[in-house]
PDB file of all heavy atoms in Angstrom:
ATOM      1  N   HIS A   1     166.274  78.543 -20.829  1.00  0.00           N
ATOM      2  CA  HIS A   1     166.240  78.371 -19.362  1.00  0.00           C
ATOM      3  C   HIS A   1     165.711  77.027 -18.863  1.00  0.00           C
ATOM      4  O   HIS A   1     165.471  76.882 -17.664  1.00  0.00           O
ATOM      5  CB  HIS A   1     165.470  79.520 -18.772  1.00  0.00           C
ATOM      6  CG  HIS A   1     165.812  80.914 -19.086  1.00  0.00           C
ATOM      7  ND1 HIS A   1     167.005  81.433 -18.629  1.00  0.00           N
ATOM      8  CD2 HIS A   1     165.384  81.728 -19.990  1.00  0.00           C
ATOM      9  CE1 HIS A   1     167.196  82.593 -19.164  1.00  0.00           C
ATOM     10  NE2 HIS A   1     166.207  82.857 -20.003  1.00  0.00           N
ATOM     11  N   SER A   2     165.453  76.115 -19.827  1.00  0.00           N
ATOM     12  CA  SER A   2     164.905  74.767 -19.365  1.00  0.00           C
ATOM     13  C   SER A   2     165.143  73.820 -20.375  1.00  0.00           C
ATOM     14  O   SER A   2     165.511  74.107 -21.567  1.00  0.00           O
ATOM     15  CB  SER A   2     163.361  74.965 -19.160  1.00  0.00           C
ATOM     16  OG  SER A   2     162.751  75.182 -20.377  1.00  0.00           O
ATOM     17  N   PHE A   3     165.047  72.573 -19.979  1.00  0.00           N
ATOM     18  CA  PHE A   3     165.010  71.430 -20.990  1.00  0.00           C
ATOM     19  C   PHE A   3     164.259  70.259 -20.287  1.00  0.00           C
ATOM     20  O   PHE A   3     164.025  70.261 -19.131  1.00  0.00           O
ATOM     21  CB  PHE A   3     166.350  71.000 -21.421  1.00  0.00           C
ATOM     22  CG  PHE A   3     167.431  70.801 -20.463  1.00  0.00           C
ATOM     23  CD1 PHE A   3     167.381  69.596 -19.597  1.00  0.00           C
ATOM     24  CD2 PHE A   3     168.450  71.648 -20.220  1.00  0.00           C
ATOM     25  CE1 PHE A   3     168.352  69.444 -18.652  1.00  0.00           C
ATOM     26  CE2 PHE A   3     169.414  71.424 -19.248  1.00  0.00           C
ATOM     27  CZ  PHE A   3     169.373  70.249 -18.486  1.00  0.00           C
ATOM     28  N   HIS A   4     163.864  69.414 -21.140  1.00  0.00           N
ATOM     29  CA  HIS A   4     163.003  68.208 -20.770  1.00  0.00           C
ATOM     30  C   HIS A   4     163.919  67.007 -20.712  1.00  0.00           C
ATOM     31  O   HIS A   4     164.732  66.802 -21.627  1.00  0.00           O
ATOM     32  CB  HIS A   4     161.972  68.087 -21.824  1.00  0.00           C
ATOM     33  CG  HIS A   4     160.928  66.976 -21.494  1.00  0.00           C
ATOM     34  ND1 HIS A   4     160.941  65.767 -22.056  1.00  0.00           N
ATOM     35  CD2 HIS A   4     159.838  67.070 -20.667  1.00  0.00           C
ATOM     36  CE1 HIS A   4     159.958  65.038 -21.592  1.00  0.00           C
ATOM     37  NE2 HIS A   4     159.234  65.865 -20.758  1.00  0.00           N
ATOM     38  N   VAL A   5     163.851  66.271 -19.621  1.00  0.00           N
ATOM     39  CA  VAL A   5     164.695  65.015 -19.512  1.00  0.00           C
ATOM     40  C   VAL A   5     163.776  63.769 -19.413  1.00  0.00           C
ATOM     41  O   VAL A   5     162.805  63.909 -18.582  1.00  0.00           O
ATOM     42  CB  VAL A   5     165.489  65.088 -18.241  1.00  0.00           C
ATOM     43  CG1 VAL A   5     166.428  63.869 -18.077  1.00  0.00           C
ATOM     44  CG2 VAL A   5     166.348  66.383 -18.054  1.00  0.00           C
ATOM     45  N   SER A   6     164.000  62.925 -20.152  1.00  0.00           N
ATOM     46  CA  SER A   6     163.270  61.644 -19.983  1.00  0.00           C
ATOM     47  C   SER A   6     164.175  60.377 -20.069  1.00  0.00           C
ATOM     48  O   SER A   6     165.293  60.547 -20.554  1.00  0.00           O
ATOM     49  CB  SER A   6     162.185  61.485 -21.184  1.00  0.00           C
ATOM     50  OG  SER A   6     162.766  61.498 -22.374  1.00  0.00           O
ATOM     51  N   TRP A   7     163.685  59.218 -19.553  1.00  0.00           N
ATOM     52  CA  TRP A   7     164.537  58.039 -19.500  1.00  0.00           C
ATOM     53  C   TRP A   7     163.731  56.853 -19.653  1.00  0.00           C
ATOM     54  O   TRP A   7     162.486  56.781 -19.550  1.00  0.00           O
ATOM     55  CB  TRP A   7     165.299  58.027 -18.038  1.00  0.00           C
ATOM     56  CG  TRP A   7     164.384  58.276 -16.913  1.00  0.00           C
ATOM     57  CD1 TRP A   7     163.738  57.241 -16.266  1.00  0.00           C
ATOM     58  CD2 TRP A   7     164.076  59.437 -16.284  1.00  0.00           C
ATOM     59  NE1 TRP A   7     163.026  57.872 -15.245  1.00  0.00           N
ATOM     60  CE2 TRP A   7     163.139  59.146 -15.238  1.00  0.00           C
ATOM     61  CE3 TRP A   7     164.398  60.909 -16.552  1.00  0.00           C
ATOM     62  CZ2 TRP A   7     162.635  60.202 -14.409  1.00  0.00           C
ATOM     63  CZ3 TRP A   7     163.819  61.773 -15.723  1.00  0.00           C
ATOM     64  CH2 TRP A   7     162.908  61.470 -14.721  1.00  0.00           C
ATOM     65  N   ALA A   8     164.443  55.762 -19.897  1.00  0.00           N
ATOM     66  CA  ALA A   8     163.828  54.451 -20.167  1.00  0.00           C
ATOM     67  C   ALA A   8     164.797  53.426 -19.497  1.00  0.00           C
ATOM     68  O   ALA A   8     165.991  53.643 -19.548  1.00  0.00           O
ATOM     69  CB  ALA A   8     163.519  54.249 -21.539  1.00  0.00           C
ATOM     70  N   PRO A   9     164.418  52.223 -19.206  1.00  0.00           N
ATOM     71  CA  PRO A   9     163.045  51.782 -19.022  1.00  0.00           C
ATOM     72  C   PRO A   9     162.549  52.313 -17.719  1.00  0.00           C
ATOM     73  O   PRO A   9     163.261  52.707 -16.773  1.00  0.00           O
ATOM     74  CB  PRO A   9     163.127  50.248 -19.109  1.00  0.00           C
ATOM     75  CG  PRO A   9     164.446  49.946 -18.541  1.00  0.00           C
ATOM     76  CD  PRO A   9     165.315  51.140 -18.962  1.00  0.00           C
ATOM     77  N   VAL A  10     161.124  52.182 -17.570  1.00  0.00           N
ATOM     78  CA  VAL A  10     160.592  52.481 -16.191  1.00  0.00           C
ATOM     79  C   VAL A  10     160.287  51.079 -15.575  1.00  0.00           C
ATOM     80  O   VAL A  10     159.669  50.290 -16.199  1.00  0.00           O
ATOM     81  CB  VAL A  10     159.231  53.274 -16.324  1.00  0.00           C
ATOM     82  CG1 VAL A  10     158.629  53.362 -14.998  1.00  0.00           C
ATOM     83  CG2 VAL A  10     159.532  54.614 -16.921  1.00  0.00           C
ATOM     84  N   LEU A  11     160.789  50.962 -14.414  1.00  0.00           N
ATOM     85  CA  LEU A  11     160.783  49.635 -13.707  1.00  0.00           C
ATOM     86  C   LEU A  11     159.965  49.643 -12.437  1.00  0.00           C
ATOM     87  O   LEU A  11     160.054  50.618 -11.692  1.00  0.00           O
ATOM     88  CB  LEU A  11     162.199  49.172 -13.457  1.00  0.00           C
ATOM     89  CG  LEU A  11     163.142  49.087 -14.608  1.00  0.00           C
ATOM     90  CD1 LEU A  11     164.551  49.001 -14.265  1.00  0.00           C
ATOM     91  CD2 LEU A  11     162.832  47.783 -15.416  1.00  0.00           C
ATOM     92  N   ASP A  12     159.196  48.526 -12.228  1.00  0.00           N
ATOM     93  CA  ASP A  12     158.459  48.425 -10.974  1.00  0.00           C
ATOM     94  C   ASP A  12     159.298  48.449  -9.807  1.00  0.00           C
ATOM     95  O   ASP A  12     158.782  48.812  -8.662  1.00  0.00           O
ATOM     96  CB  ASP A  12     157.602  47.158 -10.958  1.00  0.00           C
ATOM     97  CG  ASP A  12     156.541  47.092 -11.969  1.00  0.00           C
ATOM     98  OD1 ASP A  12     156.161  48.274 -12.469  1.00  0.00           O
ATOM     99  OD2 ASP A  12     156.036  46.111 -12.356  1.00  0.00           O
ATOM    100  N   SER A  13     160.466  48.020  -9.836  1.00  0.00           N
ATOM    101  CA  SER A  13     161.359  47.927  -8.616  1.00  0.00           C
ATOM    102  C   SER A  13     161.962  49.247  -8.241  1.00  0.00           C
ATOM    103  O   SER A  13     162.713  49.301  -7.274  1.00  0.00           O
ATOM    104  CB  SER A  13     162.415  46.863  -8.908  1.00  0.00           C
ATOM    105  OG  SER A  13     163.068  47.179 -10.099  1.00  0.00           O
ATOM    106  N   VAL A  14     161.745  50.357  -8.962  1.00  0.00           N
ATOM    107  CA  VAL A  14     162.241  51.682  -8.623  1.00  0.00           C
ATOM    108  C   VAL A  14     161.320  52.415  -7.815  1.00  0.00           C
ATOM    109  O   VAL A  14     160.152  52.539  -8.074  1.00  0.00           O
ATOM    110  CB  VAL A  14     162.533  52.420  -9.948  1.00  0.00           C
ATOM    111  CG1 VAL A  14     163.007  53.926  -9.596  1.00  0.00           C
ATOM    112  CG2 VAL A  14     163.600  51.744 -10.733  1.00  0.00           C
ATOM    113  N   ALA A  15     161.874  52.885  -6.623  1.00  0.00           N
ATOM    114  CA  ALA A  15     161.010  53.697  -5.767  1.00  0.00           C
ATOM    115  C   ALA A  15     160.943  55.207  -6.187  1.00  0.00           C
ATOM    116  O   ALA A  15     159.824  55.695  -6.325  1.00  0.00           O
ATOM    117  CB  ALA A  15     161.604  53.697  -4.330  1.00  0.00           C
ATOM    118  N   THR A  16     162.163  55.790  -6.483  1.00  0.00           N
ATOM    119  CA  THR A  16     162.100  57.117  -6.955  1.00  0.00           C
ATOM    120  C   THR A  16     163.313  57.246  -7.938  1.00  0.00           C
ATOM    121  O   THR A  16     164.273  56.465  -7.896  1.00  0.00           O
ATOM    122  CB  THR A  16     162.382  58.136  -5.866  1.00  0.00           C
ATOM    123  OG1 THR A  16     163.618  57.849  -5.099  1.00  0.00           O
ATOM    124  CG2 THR A  16     161.234  58.246  -4.891  1.00  0.00           C
ATOM    125  N   TYR A  17     163.267  58.268  -8.812  1.00  0.00           N
ATOM    126  CA  TYR A  17     164.419  58.651  -9.625  1.00  0.00           C
ATOM    127  C   TYR A  17     164.854  59.961  -9.083  1.00  0.00           C
ATOM    128  O   TYR A  17     164.130  60.842  -8.671  1.00  0.00           O
ATOM    129  CB  TYR A  17     163.947  58.825 -11.036  1.00  0.00           C
ATOM    130  CG  TYR A  17     163.561  57.603 -11.730  1.00  0.00           C
ATOM    131  CD1 TYR A  17     162.276  57.194 -11.874  1.00  0.00           C
ATOM    132  CD2 TYR A  17     164.576  56.722 -12.304  1.00  0.00           C
ATOM    133  CE1 TYR A  17     161.881  55.998 -12.512  1.00  0.00           C
ATOM    134  CE2 TYR A  17     164.191  55.543 -12.966  1.00  0.00           C
ATOM    135  CZ  TYR A  17     162.880  55.220 -13.113  1.00  0.00           C
ATOM    136  OH  TYR A  17     162.601  53.972 -13.661  1.00  0.00           O
ATOM    137  N   GLN A  18     166.272  60.155  -9.096  1.00  0.00           N
ATOM    138  CA  GLN A  18     166.780  61.455  -8.782  1.00  0.00           C
ATOM    139  C   GLN A  18     167.392  61.920 -10.009  1.00  0.00           C
ATOM    140  O   GLN A  18     168.173  61.267 -10.682  1.00  0.00           O
ATOM    141  CB  GLN A  18     167.830  61.264  -7.658  1.00  0.00           C
ATOM    142  CG  GLN A  18     167.226  61.047  -6.302  1.00  0.00           C
ATOM    143  CD  GLN A  18     168.309  60.765  -5.231  1.00  0.00           C
ATOM    144  OE1 GLN A  18     169.539  60.534  -5.627  1.00  0.00           O
ATOM    145  NE2 GLN A  18     167.975  60.798  -3.951  1.00  0.00           N
ATOM    146  N   VAL A  19     167.031  63.165 -10.279  1.00  0.00           N
ATOM    147  CA  VAL A  19     167.703  63.866 -11.472  1.00  0.00           C
ATOM    148  C   VAL A  19     168.670  64.929 -10.898  1.00  0.00           C
ATOM    149  O   VAL A  19     168.257  65.925 -10.299  1.00  0.00           O
ATOM    150  CB  VAL A  19     166.627  64.477 -12.325  1.00  0.00           C
ATOM    151  CG1 VAL A  19     167.340  65.198 -13.580  1.00  0.00           C
ATOM    152  CG2 VAL A  19     165.748  63.356 -12.928  1.00  0.00           C
ATOM    153  N   LEU A  20     170.004  64.684 -11.112  1.00  0.00           N
ATOM    154  CA  LEU A  20     170.952  65.635 -10.657  1.00  0.00           C
ATOM    155  C   LEU A  20     171.411  66.488 -11.903  1.00  0.00           C
ATOM    156  O   LEU A  20     171.726  65.915 -13.005  1.00  0.00           O
ATOM    157  CB  LEU A  20     172.210  64.893 -10.035  1.00  0.00           C
ATOM    158  CG  LEU A  20     172.077  64.359  -8.695  1.00  0.00           C
ATOM    159  CD1 LEU A  20     171.195  63.107  -8.747  1.00  0.00           C
ATOM    160  CD2 LEU A  20     173.330  63.986  -8.129  1.00  0.00           C
ATOM    161  N   TYR A  21     171.530  67.805 -11.845  1.00  0.00           N
ATOM    162  CA  TYR A  21     172.056  68.552 -12.876  1.00  0.00           C
ATOM    163  C   TYR A  21     172.895  69.668 -12.430  1.00  0.00           C
ATOM    164  O   TYR A  21     172.589  70.254 -11.328  1.00  0.00           O
ATOM    165  CB  TYR A  21     170.848  68.995 -13.757  1.00  0.00           C
ATOM    166  CG  TYR A  21     169.838  69.941 -13.020  1.00  0.00           C
ATOM    167  CD1 TYR A  21     169.950  71.330 -13.048  1.00  0.00           C
ATOM    168  CD2 TYR A  21     168.872  69.411 -12.188  1.00  0.00           C
ATOM    169  CE1 TYR A  21     169.011  72.115 -12.448  1.00  0.00           C
ATOM    170  CE2 TYR A  21     167.983  70.147 -11.499  1.00  0.00           C
ATOM    171  CZ  TYR A  21     167.991  71.529 -11.653  1.00  0.00           C
ATOM    172  OH  TYR A  21     167.226  72.344 -10.931  1.00  0.00           O
ATOM    173  N   GLY A  22     173.857  70.046 -13.177  1.00  0.00           N
ATOM    174  CA  GLY A  22     174.742  71.211 -12.851  1.00  0.00           C
ATOM    175  C   GLY A  22     175.487  71.696 -14.011  1.00  0.00           C
ATOM    176  O   GLY A  22     175.763  70.820 -14.922  1.00  0.00           O
ATOM    177  N   PRO A  23     175.832  72.922 -14.148  1.00  0.00           N
ATOM    178  CA  PRO A  23     176.602  73.386 -15.297  1.00  0.00           C
ATOM    179  C   PRO A  23     177.949  72.767 -15.342  1.00  0.00           C
ATOM    180  O   PRO A  23     178.663  72.536 -14.355  1.00  0.00           O
ATOM    181  CB  PRO A  23     176.659  74.878 -15.084  1.00  0.00           C
ATOM    182  CG  PRO A  23     176.429  75.143 -13.567  1.00  0.00           C
ATOM    183  CD  PRO A  23     175.710  74.023 -13.153  1.00  0.00           C
ATOM    184  N   LEU A  24     178.466  72.575 -16.576  1.00  0.00           N
ATOM    185  CA  LEU A  24     179.858  72.199 -16.839  1.00  0.00           C
ATOM    186  C   LEU A  24     180.688  73.336 -17.341  1.00  0.00           C
ATOM    187  O   LEU A  24     180.244  74.073 -18.103  1.00  0.00           O
ATOM    188  CB  LEU A  24     179.892  71.017 -17.873  1.00  0.00           C
ATOM    189  CG  LEU A  24     179.434  69.674 -17.452  1.00  0.00           C
ATOM    190  CD1 LEU A  24     179.369  68.841 -18.728  1.00  0.00           C
ATOM    191  CD2 LEU A  24     180.299  69.122 -16.438  1.00  0.00           C
ATOM    192  N   PRO A  25     181.973  73.538 -16.881  1.00  0.00           N
ATOM    193  CA  PRO A  25     182.544  72.851 -15.729  1.00  0.00           C
ATOM    194  C   PRO A  25     181.901  73.475 -14.454  1.00  0.00           C
ATOM    195  O   PRO A  25     181.373  74.580 -14.514  1.00  0.00           O
ATOM    196  CB  PRO A  25     184.022  73.190 -15.842  1.00  0.00           C
ATOM    197  CG  PRO A  25     184.045  74.522 -16.502  1.00  0.00           C
ATOM    198  CD  PRO A  25     182.820  74.550 -17.485  1.00  0.00           C
ATOM    199  N   GLY A  26     182.014  72.778 -13.395  1.00  0.00           N
ATOM    200  CA  GLY A  26     181.515  73.365 -12.136  1.00  0.00           C
ATOM    201  C   GLY A  26     181.025  72.278 -11.259  1.00  0.00           C
ATOM    202  O   GLY A  26     181.005  71.145 -11.616  1.00  0.00           O
ATOM    203  N   ASN A  27     180.677  72.580  -9.957  1.00  0.00           N
ATOM    204  CA  ASN A  27     180.338  71.569  -9.057  1.00  0.00           C
ATOM    205  C   ASN A  27     179.087  71.975  -8.325  1.00  0.00           C
ATOM    206  O   ASN A  27     178.771  71.404  -7.238  1.00  0.00           O
ATOM    207  CB  ASN A  27     181.394  71.218  -8.177  1.00  0.00           C
ATOM    208  CG  ASN A  27     182.012  72.379  -7.483  1.00  0.00           C
ATOM    209  OD1 ASN A  27     181.541  73.443  -7.613  1.00  0.00           O
ATOM    210  ND2 ASN A  27     183.216  72.127  -6.868  1.00  0.00           N
ATOM    211  N   SER A  28     178.278  72.977  -8.802  1.00  0.00           N
ATOM    212  CA  SER A  28     176.995  73.248  -8.126  1.00  0.00           C
ATOM    213  C   SER A  28     175.939  72.401  -8.781  1.00  0.00           C
ATOM    214  O   SER A  28     175.582  72.515  -9.898  1.00  0.00           O
ATOM    215  CB  SER A  28     176.665  74.692  -8.502  1.00  0.00           C
ATOM    216  OG  SER A  28     176.518  74.919  -9.764  1.00  0.00           O
ATOM    217  N   VAL A  29     175.528  71.456  -7.980  1.00  0.00           N
ATOM    218  CA  VAL A  29     174.579  70.394  -8.496  1.00  0.00           C
ATOM    219  C   VAL A  29     173.318  70.618  -7.825  1.00  0.00           C
ATOM    220  O   VAL A  29     173.137  70.732  -6.560  1.00  0.00           O
ATOM    221  CB  VAL A  29     175.178  69.058  -8.286  1.00  0.00           C
ATOM    222  CG1 VAL A  29     174.155  67.944  -8.626  1.00  0.00           C
ATOM    223  CG2 VAL A  29     176.439  68.843  -9.070  1.00  0.00           C
ATOM    224  N   LYS A  30     172.260  70.500  -8.548  1.00  0.00           N
ATOM    225  CA  LYS A  30     170.868  70.610  -7.911  1.00  0.00           C
ATOM    226  C   LYS A  30     170.297  69.160  -8.155  1.00  0.00           C
ATOM    227  O   LYS A  30     170.562  68.392  -9.105  1.00  0.00           O
ATOM    228  CB  LYS A  30     169.982  71.633  -8.477  1.00  0.00           C
ATOM    229  CG  LYS A  30     170.486  73.050  -8.236  1.00  0.00           C
ATOM    230  CD  LYS A  30     169.376  74.045  -8.554  1.00  0.00           C
ATOM    231  CE  LYS A  30     169.703  75.469  -8.068  1.00  0.00           C
ATOM    232  NZ  LYS A  30     170.390  76.325  -9.082  1.00  0.00           N
ATOM    233  N   VAL A  31     169.269  68.815  -7.306  1.00  0.00           N
ATOM    234  CA  VAL A  31     168.647  67.522  -7.387  1.00  0.00           C
ATOM    235  C   VAL A  31     167.089  67.672  -7.519  1.00  0.00           C
ATOM    236  O   VAL A  31     166.525  68.462  -6.694  1.00  0.00           O
ATOM    237  CB  VAL A  31     168.895  66.717  -6.099  1.00  0.00           C
ATOM    238  CG1 VAL A  31     168.297  65.264  -6.148  1.00  0.00           C
ATOM    239  CG2 VAL A  31     170.449  66.506  -5.838  1.00  0.00           C
ATOM    240  N   LEU A  32     166.510  66.933  -8.452  1.00  0.00           N
ATOM    241  CA  LEU A  32     164.980  66.796  -8.437  1.00  0.00           C
ATOM    242  C   LEU A  32     164.585  65.356  -8.117  1.00  0.00           C
ATOM    243  O   LEU A  32     165.189  64.392  -8.606  1.00  0.00           O
ATOM    244  CB  LEU A  32     164.538  67.070  -9.976  1.00  0.00           C
ATOM    245  CG  LEU A  32     164.506  68.575 -10.349  1.00  0.00           C
ATOM    246  CD1 LEU A  32     164.258  68.505 -11.868  1.00  0.00           C
ATOM    247  CD2 LEU A  32     163.479  69.353  -9.629  1.00  0.00           C
ATOM    248  N   GLN A  33     163.679  65.204  -7.244  1.00  0.00           N
ATOM    249  CA  GLN A  33     163.147  63.861  -6.980  1.00  0.00           C
ATOM    250  C   GLN A  33     161.920  63.627  -7.913  1.00  0.00           C
ATOM    251  O   GLN A  33     161.106  64.541  -7.924  1.00  0.00           O
ATOM    252  CB  GLN A  33     162.716  63.820  -5.511  1.00  0.00           C
ATOM    253  CG  GLN A  33     163.730  63.945  -4.523  1.00  0.00           C
ATOM    254  CD  GLN A  33     164.447  62.572  -4.161  1.00  0.00           C
ATOM    255  OE1 GLN A  33     164.125  61.575  -4.854  1.00  0.00           O
ATOM    256  NE2 GLN A  33     165.245  62.697  -3.248  1.00  0.00           N
ATOM    257  N   VAL A  34     161.868  62.468  -8.546  1.00  0.00           N
ATOM    258  CA  VAL A  34     160.806  62.192  -9.372  1.00  0.00           C
ATOM    259  C   VAL A  34     160.197  60.721  -8.997  1.00  0.00           C
ATOM    260  O   VAL A  34     161.033  59.809  -8.650  1.00  0.00           O
ATOM    261  CB  VAL A  34     161.194  62.095 -10.916  1.00  0.00           C
ATOM    262  CG1 VAL A  34     160.099  61.753 -11.821  1.00  0.00           C
ATOM    263  CG2 VAL A  34     161.902  63.392 -11.277  1.00  0.00           C
ATOM    264  N   ASP A  35     158.984  60.679  -8.829  1.00  0.00           N
ATOM    265  CA  ASP A  35     158.334  59.507  -8.478  1.00  0.00           C
ATOM    266  C   ASP A  35     158.614  58.360  -9.413  1.00  0.00           C
ATOM    267  O   ASP A  35     158.810  58.540 -10.649  1.00  0.00           O
ATOM    268  CB  ASP A  35     156.757  59.730  -8.499  1.00  0.00           C
ATOM    269  CG  ASP A  35     156.010  58.529  -7.971  1.00  0.00           C
ATOM    270  OD1 ASP A  35     155.880  57.537  -8.728  1.00  0.00           O
ATOM    271  OD2 ASP A  35     155.558  58.537  -6.855  1.00  0.00           O
ATOM    272  N   GLY A  36     158.805  57.112  -8.822  1.00  0.00           N
ATOM    273  CA  GLY A  36     159.233  55.965  -9.725  1.00  0.00           C
ATOM    274  C   GLY A  36     158.303  55.599 -10.786  1.00  0.00           C
ATOM    275  O   GLY A  36     158.625  54.803 -11.656  1.00  0.00           O
ATOM    276  N   ARG A  37     157.039  56.088 -10.740  1.00  0.00           N
ATOM    277  CA  ARG A  37     156.136  55.820 -11.831  1.00  0.00           C
ATOM    278  C   ARG A  37     156.298  56.752 -13.083  1.00  0.00           C
ATOM    279  O   ARG A  37     155.709  56.432 -14.087  1.00  0.00           O
ATOM    280  CB  ARG A  37     154.661  55.935 -11.324  1.00  0.00           C
ATOM    281  CG  ARG A  37     154.299  54.919 -10.221  1.00  0.00           C
ATOM    282  CD  ARG A  37     152.773  55.039 -10.063  1.00  0.00           C
ATOM    283  NE  ARG A  37     152.388  56.311  -9.440  1.00  0.00           N
ATOM    284  CZ  ARG A  37     152.390  56.613  -8.238  1.00  0.00           C
ATOM    285  NH1 ARG A  37     152.601  55.675  -7.292  1.00  0.00           N
ATOM    286  NH2 ARG A  37     152.007  57.821  -7.736  1.00  0.00           N
ATOM    287  N   HIS A  38     157.083  57.782 -12.943  1.00  0.00           N
ATOM    288  CA  HIS A  38     157.192  58.763 -14.000  1.00  0.00           C
ATOM    289  C   HIS A  38     158.575  58.513 -14.668  1.00  0.00           C
ATOM    290  O   HIS A  38     159.517  57.996 -14.069  1.00  0.00           O
ATOM    291  CB  HIS A  38     157.108  60.139 -13.544  1.00  0.00           C
ATOM    292  CG  HIS A  38     155.759  60.463 -12.911  1.00  0.00           C
ATOM    293  ND1 HIS A  38     154.630  60.483 -13.539  1.00  0.00           N
ATOM    294  CD2 HIS A  38     155.492  60.657 -11.614  1.00  0.00           C
ATOM    295  CE1 HIS A  38     153.664  60.693 -12.747  1.00  0.00           C
ATOM    296  NE2 HIS A  38     154.111  60.875 -11.534  1.00  0.00           N
ATOM    297  N   ASN A  39     158.627  58.926 -15.901  1.00  0.00           N
ATOM    298  CA  ASN A  39     159.873  58.686 -16.629  1.00  0.00           C
ATOM    299  C   ASN A  39     160.346  60.023 -17.327  1.00  0.00           C
ATOM    300  O   ASN A  39     161.196  59.970 -18.283  1.00  0.00           O
ATOM    301  CB  ASN A  39     159.690  57.613 -17.680  1.00  0.00           C
ATOM    302  CG  ASN A  39     158.980  58.039 -18.915  1.00  0.00           C
ATOM    303  OD1 ASN A  39     158.035  58.803 -18.745  1.00  0.00           O
ATOM    304  ND2 ASN A  39     159.387  57.530 -20.123  1.00  0.00           N
ATOM    305  N   SER A  40     159.916  61.156 -16.871  1.00  0.00           N
ATOM    306  CA  SER A  40     160.348  62.471 -17.433  1.00  0.00           C
ATOM    307  C   SER A  40     160.177  63.557 -16.472  1.00  0.00           C
ATOM    308  O   SER A  40     159.363  63.513 -15.532  1.00  0.00           O
ATOM    309  CB  SER A  40     159.692  62.745 -18.790  1.00  0.00           C
ATOM    310  OG  SER A  40     158.333  62.948 -18.567  1.00  0.00           O
ATOM    311  N   THR A  41     160.911  64.574 -16.648  1.00  0.00           N
ATOM    312  CA  THR A  41     160.673  65.856 -15.796  1.00  0.00           C
ATOM    313  C   THR A  41     161.217  66.954 -16.594  1.00  0.00           C
ATOM    314  O   THR A  41     162.053  66.809 -17.624  1.00  0.00           O
ATOM    315  CB  THR A  41     161.318  65.675 -14.490  1.00  0.00           C
ATOM    316  OG1 THR A  41     160.997  66.793 -13.668  1.00  0.00           O
ATOM    317  CG2 THR A  41     162.988  65.719 -14.617  1.00  0.00           C
ATOM    318  N   VAL A  42     160.855  68.232 -16.250  1.00  0.00           N
ATOM    319  CA  VAL A  42     161.377  69.429 -16.861  1.00  0.00           C
ATOM    320  C   VAL A  42     162.350  70.064 -15.876  1.00  0.00           C
ATOM    321  O   VAL A  42     161.992  70.277 -14.682  1.00  0.00           O
ATOM    322  CB  VAL A  42     160.277  70.347 -17.250  1.00  0.00           C
ATOM    323  CG1 VAL A  42     160.813  71.723 -17.780  1.00  0.00           C
ATOM    324  CG2 VAL A  42     159.292  69.721 -18.292  1.00  0.00           C
ATOM    325  N   VAL A  43     163.486  70.378 -16.331  1.00  0.00           N
ATOM    326  CA  VAL A  43     164.553  71.110 -15.484  1.00  0.00           C
ATOM    327  C   VAL A  43     164.404  72.599 -15.887  1.00  0.00           C
ATOM    328  O   VAL A  43     164.600  72.856 -17.104  1.00  0.00           O
ATOM    329  CB  VAL A  43     165.947  70.549 -15.744  1.00  0.00           C
ATOM    330  CG1 VAL A  43     166.970  71.290 -14.893  1.00  0.00           C
ATOM    331  CG2 VAL A  43     165.997  69.060 -15.426  1.00  0.00           C
ATOM    332  N   GLU A  44     164.205  73.442 -14.914  1.00  0.00           N
ATOM    333  CA  GLU A  44     164.059  74.925 -15.168  1.00  0.00           C
ATOM    334  C   GLU A  44     164.998  75.750 -14.540  1.00  0.00           C
ATOM    335  O   GLU A  44     165.886  75.288 -13.772  1.00  0.00           O
ATOM    336  CB  GLU A  44     162.570  75.323 -14.707  1.00  0.00           C
ATOM    337  CG  GLU A  44     161.574  74.499 -15.493  1.00  0.00           C
ATOM    338  CD  GLU A  44     160.118  74.706 -14.966  1.00  0.00           C
ATOM    339  OE1 GLU A  44     159.918  74.614 -13.749  1.00  0.00           O
ATOM    340  OE2 GLU A  44     159.256  75.143 -15.692  1.00  0.00           O
ATOM    341  N   HIS A  45     164.862  77.113 -14.662  1.00  0.00           N
ATOM    342  CA  HIS A  45     165.657  78.118 -14.045  1.00  0.00           C
ATOM    343  C   HIS A  45     167.111  77.920 -14.368  1.00  0.00           C
ATOM    344  O   HIS A  45     168.034  78.030 -13.499  1.00  0.00           O
ATOM    345  CB  HIS A  45     165.433  78.081 -12.526  1.00  0.00           C
ATOM    346  CG  HIS A  45     164.017  78.089 -12.157  1.00  0.00           C
ATOM    347  ND1 HIS A  45     163.035  79.069 -12.532  1.00  0.00           N
ATOM    348  CD2 HIS A  45     163.287  77.223 -11.439  1.00  0.00           C
ATOM    349  CE1 HIS A  45     161.891  78.769 -12.142  1.00  0.00           C
ATOM    350  NE2 HIS A  45     162.029  77.604 -11.421  1.00  0.00           N
TER     351      HIS A  45
END
């Protein structure tokens, strides 16, 4: 029911990261906002 997403590099010029996710195939997409200082998040449910 979850997975961990991380990314690189983390840049000072980024205000926020948006993590969009949705099942394939399909077009129901959800969005998580992540502060620009962070480089990972957990997607749940």
